[in-house]
Amino acid sequence: MTAEPYVLGELRRLRARVPQLTGALAASVDGLVLAQDTGDVEPEGVAALTAAALGVAVRLTDATGRGGFRELLVRGEHGYVATYAAGGTAVLTLLAEPRVNVGRLHLEGRRSGARIAELVDGALERPDLAP
């Protein structure tokens, strides 16, 4: 048994709570997909790019004395890409339409990131749930 079905369930519940989400992905900090519900977006590429962006964000927060990484928000012409810390070994990346309420996106993204952290960290502690 793995944590993947539980993480996927959390991603699907998150997408139900925030209808303007067009995709959700949980990945390891080194860019491996843990679970995804991304529609037509290629999850492995998004996970790899998330890992690269995470590396820069971590260095930026360290260099400016802002503490550990919590989240990253990118706004493009056609919507948002938001990445949230999910414990020490995983991240949650969300794709959203331009009309999303960004405050709601942050609230729900942070909550789901914390839940995914519990699931992933729990799986690492329990070999029967390890990914």
Protein backbone atom coordinates (compact mmCIF):
# COMPACT_ATOMS: atom_id res chain seq x y z
CA MET A 1 0.00 0.00 0.00
CA THR A 2 1.29 3.52 -0.86
CA ALA A 3 0.38 7.07 0.07
CA GLU A 4 -0.40 7.90 -3.58
CA PRO A 5 -4.15 7.13 -3.49
CA TYR A 6 -4.56 9.24 -0.36
CA VAL A 7 -2.63 12.16 -1.85
CA LEU A 8 -4.63 11.86 -5.08
CA GLY A 9 -7.83 11.94 -3.03
CA GLU A 10 -6.66 15.16 -1.38
CA LEU A 11 -5.87 16.70 -4.78
CA ARG A 12 -9.35 15.83 -6.05
CA ARG A 13 -11.03 17.24 -2.92
CA LEU A 14 -9.00 20.42 -3.34
CA ARG A 15 -10.11 20.77 -6.96
CA ALA A 16 -13.73 20.33 -5.82
CA ARG A 17 -13.31 23.11 -3.22
CA VAL A 18 -11.68 25.50 -5.72
CA PRO A 19 -13.47 25.04 -9.06
CA GLN A 20 -11.13 27.47 -10.83
CA LEU A 21 -8.24 25.01 -10.46
CA THR A 22 -7.28 23.41 -13.75
CA GLY A 23 -4.67 21.10 -12.27
CA ALA A 24 -3.04 19.89 -9.06
CA LEU A 25 0.19 18.01 -8.55
CA ALA A 26 2.08 16.69 -5.54
CA ALA A 27 5.77 16.07 -6.13
CA SER A 28 8.93 15.37 -4.21
CA VAL A 29 11.24 18.35 -3.78
CA ASP A 30 13.58 16.75 -6.32
CA GLY A 31 10.89 16.68 -9.02
CA LEU A 32 9.33 13.20 -8.90
CA VAL A 33 5.54 13.03 -9.29
CA LEU A 34 3.82 11.62 -6.20
CA ALA A 35 0.24 12.10 -7.43
CA GLN A 36 -1.36 14.26 -10.08
CA ASP A 37 -4.68 15.50 -11.39
CA THR A 38 -3.44 17.84 -14.11
CA GLY A 39 -5.68 17.25 -17.09
CA ASP A 40 -3.84 18.03 -20.31
CA VAL A 41 -0.64 19.33 -18.66
CA GLU A 42 2.34 16.94 -18.68
CA PRO A 43 2.90 16.17 -14.95
CA GLU A 44 6.55 15.06 -15.15
CA GLY A 45 7.55 18.32 -16.83
CA VAL A 46 5.62 20.40 -14.29
CA ALA A 47 7.21 18.46 -11.41
CA ALA A 48 10.70 19.01 -12.84
CA LEU A 49 10.09 22.72 -13.37
CA THR A 50 8.62 22.99 -9.88
CA ALA A 51 11.81 21.47 -8.45
CA ALA A 52 13.91 24.00 -10.37
CA ALA A 53 11.74 26.94 -9.22
CA LEU A 54 11.81 25.58 -5.69
CA GLY A 55 15.60 25.56 -5.73
CA VAL A 56 15.68 29.25 -6.69
CA ALA A 57 12.95 30.15 -4.18
CA VAL A 58 14.79 28.40 -1.34
CA ARG A 59 18.02 30.21 -2.19
CA LEU A 60 16.16 33.52 -2.41
CA THR A 61 14.48 33.13 0.98
CA ASP A 62 17.81 32.08 2.52
CA ALA A 63 19.74 34.97 0.95
CA THR A 64 17.20 37.53 2.14
CA GLY A 65 16.78 36.09 5.62
CA ARG A 66 13.12 35.21 5.11
CA GLY A 67 13.35 31.71 6.58
CA GLY A 68 12.29 28.41 5.10
CA PHE A 69 10.30 28.14 1.89
CA ARG A 70 6.51 28.28 2.27
CA GLU A 71 5.03 29.21 -1.12
CA LEU A 72 5.60 30.63 -4.56
CA LEU A 73 3.04 32.31 -6.82
CA VAL A 74 3.51 32.98 -10.53
CA ARG A 75 0.92 34.91 -12.54
CA GLY A 76 0.79 34.47 -16.28
CA GLU A 77 -1.52 35.87 -18.95
CA HIS A 78 -3.75 32.79 -18.70
CA GLY A 79 -3.73 32.14 -14.97
CA TYR A 80 -1.65 31.21 -11.96
CA VAL A 81 0.85 28.59 -10.91
CA ALA A 82 1.13 28.31 -7.13
CA THR A 83 3.51 26.05 -5.24
CA TYR A 84 3.20 25.31 -1.51
CA ALA A 85 5.52 23.48 0.87
CA ALA A 86 4.13 20.08 1.86
CA GLY A 87 6.49 19.10 4.63
CA GLY A 88 10.21 18.78 4.14
CA THR A 89 10.13 16.33 1.25
CA ALA A 90 7.19 17.34 -0.95
CA VAL A 91 5.49 20.28 -2.64
CA LEU A 92 2.00 20.96 -3.94
CA THR A 93 1.68 22.78 -7.27
CA LEU A 94 -1.67 24.20 -8.38
CA LEU A 95 -2.71 25.55 -11.76
CA ALA A 96 -5.56 28.07 -11.69
CA GLU A 97 -7.64 30.16 -14.04
CA PRO A 98 -7.01 33.93 -14.06
CA ARG A 99 -10.37 34.56 -12.34
CA VAL A 100 -9.47 32.52 -9.23
CA ASN A 101 -9.76 34.25 -5.88
CA VAL A 102 -6.06 34.32 -4.91
CA GLY A 103 -6.84 34.53 -1.20
CA ARG A 104 -8.96 31.38 -1.45
CA LEU A 105 -6.25 29.72 -3.55
CA HIS A 106 -3.71 30.40 -0.79
CA LEU A 107 -6.03 29.29 2.00
CA GLU A 108 -6.92 26.00 0.35
CA GLY A 109 -3.40 25.41 -1.03
CA ARG A 110 -1.86 25.84 2.41
CA ARG A 111 -4.40 23.49 4.00
CA SER A 112 -3.87 20.82 1.35
CA GLY A 113 -0.11 21.24 1.55
CA ALA A 114 -0.28 20.53 5.29
CA ARG A 115 -2.49 17.49 4.72
CA ILE A 116 -0.20 16.14 2.00
CA ALA A 117 2.77 16.66 4.33
CA GLU A 118 1.03 14.47 6.92
CA LEU A 119 0.34 11.79 4.33
CA VAL A 120 3.83 11.78 2.82
CA ASP A 121 5.64 12.05 6.14
CA GLY A 122 3.42 9.30 7.55
CA ALA A 123 4.24 7.08 4.58
CA LEU A 124 7.96 7.63 5.16
CA GLU A 125 7.55 6.64 8.80
CA ARG A 126 5.47 3.56 7.97
CA PRO A 127 7.09 1.18 5.47
CA ASP A 128 3.69 -0.30 4.56
CA LEU A 129 2.69 3.14 3.19
CA ALA A 130 6.01 4.13 1.60
CA PRO A 131 5.78 5.47 -1.96
